[in-house]
Amino acid sequence: MRRTSANRSEQEAAILKAAAEEVALVGIGRLSMDVIARQAGVSRSTLYRRFPSRDALVTELGRQTFDFAMARLQTVGVDAGPREAAVAAFREGVRLLTGEPVMRRFLQLDGDFTATAGMFDEARVFLISAATAMAKALRAAGATLPDEELLAVAEVHIRLAASLVQVGTPVLDVSDDEAVTRYARTYLAPLVR
């Protein structure tokens, strides 16, 4: 690929885009800085000036990926009440987990267990952030559970979504939005009040 004379922010964006594509393709454990530099059209020295280490690059990619996920989860409507908000959040979470390959890799949903222990910490941070965001959305939708219980219910929703996406089951086709909606309405919405 040809070298670029782009400015710093354009170079960082190109590097992060190349890193996301590489992570989606080979996973975090086999991420190659040489491939990323080549795909981004920058030299290795430029890559390391922008991201001083592989860990720094992976951390920034993870931050952007999780920010994207949080933005998607915050789009869930709260006007229909807490139970329907819970259904919508679960459905959007399943869509995110099935449709975003970088998210899948960061949360270890593709069986790439060669990632560092830091990735498990990142997944834990995501879980806490997502559960907190969902609990806030459910509260805004009118949920009356005490805060601790509401957070626990939100965490159950998120952990279940990740589990159902990671380990298939004949009980639910996670690629079918209507089936996911019915499942959430039947089994998860009753947990919210």
Protein backbone atom coordinates (compact mmCIF):
# COMPACT_ATOMS: atom_id res chain seq x y z
CA MET A 1 0.00 0.00 0.00
CA ARG A 2 1.25 3.50 -0.73
CA ARG A 3 2.52 5.68 2.11
CA THR A 4 0.29 8.53 3.12
CA SER A 5 1.12 12.12 3.91
CA ALA A 6 -2.07 12.54 5.93
CA ASN A 7 -2.12 14.62 9.08
CA ARG A 8 -1.86 13.10 12.54
CA SER A 9 -5.61 12.55 13.10
CA GLU A 10 -6.06 11.05 9.63
CA GLN A 11 -3.12 8.71 10.27
CA GLU A 12 -4.55 7.65 13.62
CA ALA A 13 -7.95 7.04 12.02
CA ALA A 14 -6.33 4.96 9.25
CA ILE A 15 -4.33 2.98 11.81
CA LEU A 16 -7.40 2.29 13.96
CA LYS A 17 -9.42 1.28 10.90
CA ALA A 18 -6.66 -1.12 9.82
CA ALA A 19 -6.40 -2.46 13.38
CA ALA A 20 -10.16 -3.06 13.53
CA GLU A 21 -10.06 -4.95 10.24
CA GLU A 22 -7.09 -7.02 11.42
CA VAL A 23 -8.73 -7.82 14.78
CA ALA A 24 -11.94 -8.85 13.02
CA LEU A 25 -9.93 -11.10 10.70
CA VAL A 26 -7.37 -12.74 13.00
CA GLY A 27 -8.27 -11.73 16.56
CA ILE A 28 -6.39 -9.73 19.14
CA GLY A 29 -3.80 -12.37 19.99
CA ARG A 30 -2.48 -12.55 16.40
CA LEU A 31 -2.66 -8.81 15.70
CA SER A 32 0.38 -7.78 13.62
CA MET A 33 1.74 -4.25 13.88
CA ASP A 34 3.52 -4.73 10.52
CA VAL A 35 0.25 -5.62 8.79
CA ILE A 36 -1.53 -2.70 10.41
CA ALA A 37 1.18 -0.24 9.31
CA ARG A 38 1.06 -1.60 5.77
CA GLN A 39 -2.76 -1.53 5.59
CA ALA A 40 -2.91 1.98 7.06
CA GLY A 41 -0.30 3.23 4.59
CA VAL A 42 2.09 4.42 7.30
CA SER A 43 5.60 3.46 8.29
CA ARG A 44 6.29 1.41 11.41
CA SER A 45 7.90 4.48 12.99
CA THR A 46 4.75 6.53 12.33
CA LEU A 47 2.61 3.74 13.76
CA TYR A 48 4.71 3.66 16.93
CA ARG A 49 4.71 7.46 17.19
CA ARG A 50 0.92 7.42 17.16
CA PHE A 51 0.60 4.32 19.35
CA PRO A 52 3.79 3.63 21.36
CA SER A 53 3.00 -0.06 21.85
CA ARG A 54 0.73 -2.81 20.66
CA ASP A 55 -1.10 -2.61 23.99
CA ALA A 56 -1.68 1.15 23.53
CA LEU A 57 -3.18 0.49 20.09
CA VAL A 58 -5.39 -2.35 21.34
CA THR A 59 -6.51 -0.25 24.32
CA GLU A 60 -7.54 2.65 22.06
CA LEU A 61 -9.30 0.30 19.66
CA GLY A 62 -11.14 -1.24 22.60
CA ARG A 63 -12.12 2.18 23.93
CA GLN A 64 -13.53 3.20 20.56
CA THR A 65 -15.33 -0.10 20.13
CA PHE A 66 -16.93 0.13 23.56
CA ASP A 67 -17.86 3.80 23.04
CA PHE A 68 -19.59 2.76 19.83
CA ALA A 69 -21.45 0.00 21.67
CA MET A 70 -22.54 2.37 24.45
CA ALA A 71 -23.82 4.86 21.87
CA ARG A 72 -25.85 2.10 20.21
CA LEU A 73 -27.30 0.94 23.53
CA GLN A 74 -28.27 4.51 24.44
CA THR A 75 -30.47 4.73 21.35
CA VAL A 76 -32.97 2.34 22.93
CA GLY A 77 -36.29 4.10 23.37
CA VAL A 78 -37.68 4.45 26.86
CA ASP A 79 -41.13 5.80 25.99
CA ALA A 80 -42.91 2.42 26.04
CA GLY A 81 -42.14 1.65 29.68
CA PRO A 82 -39.42 -0.31 31.46
CA ARG A 83 -40.32 -3.78 30.23
CA GLU A 84 -40.39 -2.79 26.57
CA ALA A 85 -37.17 -0.79 27.10
CA ALA A 86 -35.59 -3.98 28.49
CA VAL A 87 -36.76 -5.91 25.41
CA ALA A 88 -35.38 -3.23 23.08
CA ALA A 89 -32.05 -3.11 24.94
CA PHE A 90 -31.68 -6.90 24.83
CA ARG A 91 -32.51 -6.98 21.12
CA GLU A 92 -30.02 -4.19 20.38
CA GLY A 93 -27.36 -5.91 22.48
CA VAL A 94 -27.82 -9.17 20.57
CA ARG A 95 -27.63 -7.27 17.27
CA LEU A 96 -24.43 -5.60 18.41
CA LEU A 97 -22.86 -8.85 19.59
CA THR A 98 -23.78 -10.75 16.41
CA GLY A 99 -23.01 -7.97 13.95
CA GLU A 100 -19.81 -6.31 15.17
CA PRO A 101 -16.75 -8.54 14.66
CA VAL A 102 -14.39 -6.32 16.66
CA MET A 103 -16.80 -6.36 19.61
CA ARG A 104 -17.01 -10.14 19.35
CA ARG A 105 -13.24 -10.42 19.47
CA PHE A 106 -12.87 -8.05 22.41
CA LEU A 107 -15.48 -9.91 24.41
CA GLN A 108 -13.93 -13.26 23.50
CA LEU A 109 -17.07 -14.42 21.71
CA ASP A 110 -15.12 -16.03 18.87
CA GLY A 111 -13.03 -18.36 21.03
CA ASP A 112 -9.77 -16.40 20.58
CA PHE A 113 -8.42 -17.08 24.04
CA THR A 114 -4.89 -16.04 23.11
CA ALA A 115 -5.62 -12.45 24.12
CA THR A 116 -3.93 -10.96 27.14
CA ALA A 117 -5.45 -10.87 30.60
CA GLY A 118 -5.99 -7.17 29.98
CA MET A 119 -8.67 -8.07 27.44
CA PHE A 120 -10.64 -9.85 30.16
CA ASP A 121 -10.36 -6.65 32.20
CA GLU A 122 -11.64 -4.67 29.19
CA ALA A 123 -14.56 -7.09 28.83
CA ARG A 124 -15.35 -6.70 32.53
CA VAL A 125 -15.28 -2.90 32.20
CA PHE A 126 -17.61 -3.16 29.20
CA LEU A 127 -20.00 -5.39 31.14
CA ILE A 128 -20.14 -2.95 34.05
CA SER A 129 -20.53 0.04 31.73
CA ALA A 130 -23.23 -1.64 29.65
CA ALA A 131 -25.16 -2.82 32.73
CA THR A 132 -24.96 0.68 34.23
CA ALA A 133 -26.13 2.28 30.98
CA MET A 134 -28.99 -0.20 30.67
CA ALA A 135 -30.02 0.32 34.31
CA LYS A 136 -30.12 4.09 33.71
CA ALA A 137 -32.25 3.58 30.59
CA LEU A 138 -34.62 1.29 32.48
CA ARG A 139 -34.86 3.82 35.31
CA ALA A 140 -35.63 6.56 32.76
CA ALA A 141 -38.32 4.28 31.32
CA GLY A 142 -39.98 4.06 34.73
CA ALA A 143 -38.43 1.00 36.42
CA THR A 144 -39.06 1.07 40.18
CA LEU A 145 -36.66 -1.64 41.37
CA PRO A 146 -34.07 -0.46 43.89
CA ASP A 147 -30.81 0.60 42.19
CA GLU A 148 -28.86 -2.52 43.20
CA GLU A 149 -31.57 -4.86 41.93
CA LEU A 150 -32.00 -2.91 38.70
CA LEU A 151 -28.27 -3.10 38.05
CA ALA A 152 -28.33 -6.86 38.73
CA VAL A 153 -31.23 -7.33 36.27
CA ALA A 154 -29.40 -5.28 33.62
CA GLU A 155 -26.27 -7.38 34.12
CA VAL A 156 -28.29 -10.59 33.73
CA HIS A 157 -29.64 -9.30 30.41
CA ILE A 158 -26.16 -8.47 29.12
CA ARG A 159 -24.52 -11.67 30.31
CA LEU A 160 -27.34 -13.72 28.83
CA ALA A 161 -27.10 -11.92 25.49
CA ALA A 162 -23.34 -12.61 25.35
CA SER A 163 -23.83 -16.24 26.33
CA LEU A 164 -26.59 -16.86 23.79
CA VAL A 165 -24.48 -15.31 21.05
CA GLN A 166 -21.34 -17.22 22.02
CA VAL A 167 -22.88 -20.65 22.55
CA GLY A 168 -25.72 -21.34 20.15
CA THR A 169 -28.91 -22.94 21.37
CA PRO A 170 -31.94 -24.45 19.65
CA VAL A 171 -34.07 -22.38 22.05
CA LEU A 172 -33.27 -19.08 20.30
CA ASP A 173 -32.05 -18.09 16.84
CA VAL A 174 -30.06 -14.94 17.69
CA SER A 175 -30.10 -13.89 14.03
CA ASP A 176 -33.91 -13.57 14.07
CA ASP A 177 -34.97 -10.18 15.51
CA GLU A 178 -38.56 -11.31 16.04
CA ALA A 179 -37.45 -14.43 17.92
CA VAL A 180 -35.07 -12.36 20.06
CA THR A 181 -37.90 -9.92 20.83
CA ARG A 182 -40.29 -12.73 21.81
CA TYR A 183 -37.61 -14.36 23.98
CA ALA A 184 -36.82 -11.10 25.78
CA ARG A 185 -40.50 -10.25 26.24
CA THR A 186 -41.28 -13.71 27.62
CA TYR A 187 -38.28 -14.42 29.85
CA LEU A 188 -36.48 -11.16 30.59
CA ALA A 189 -39.04 -8.35 30.64
CA PRO A 190 -40.81 -9.88 33.68
CA LEU A 191 -37.62 -9.29 35.70
CA VAL A 192 -38.11 -5.54 35.31
CA ARG A 193 -40.66 -3.61 37.33
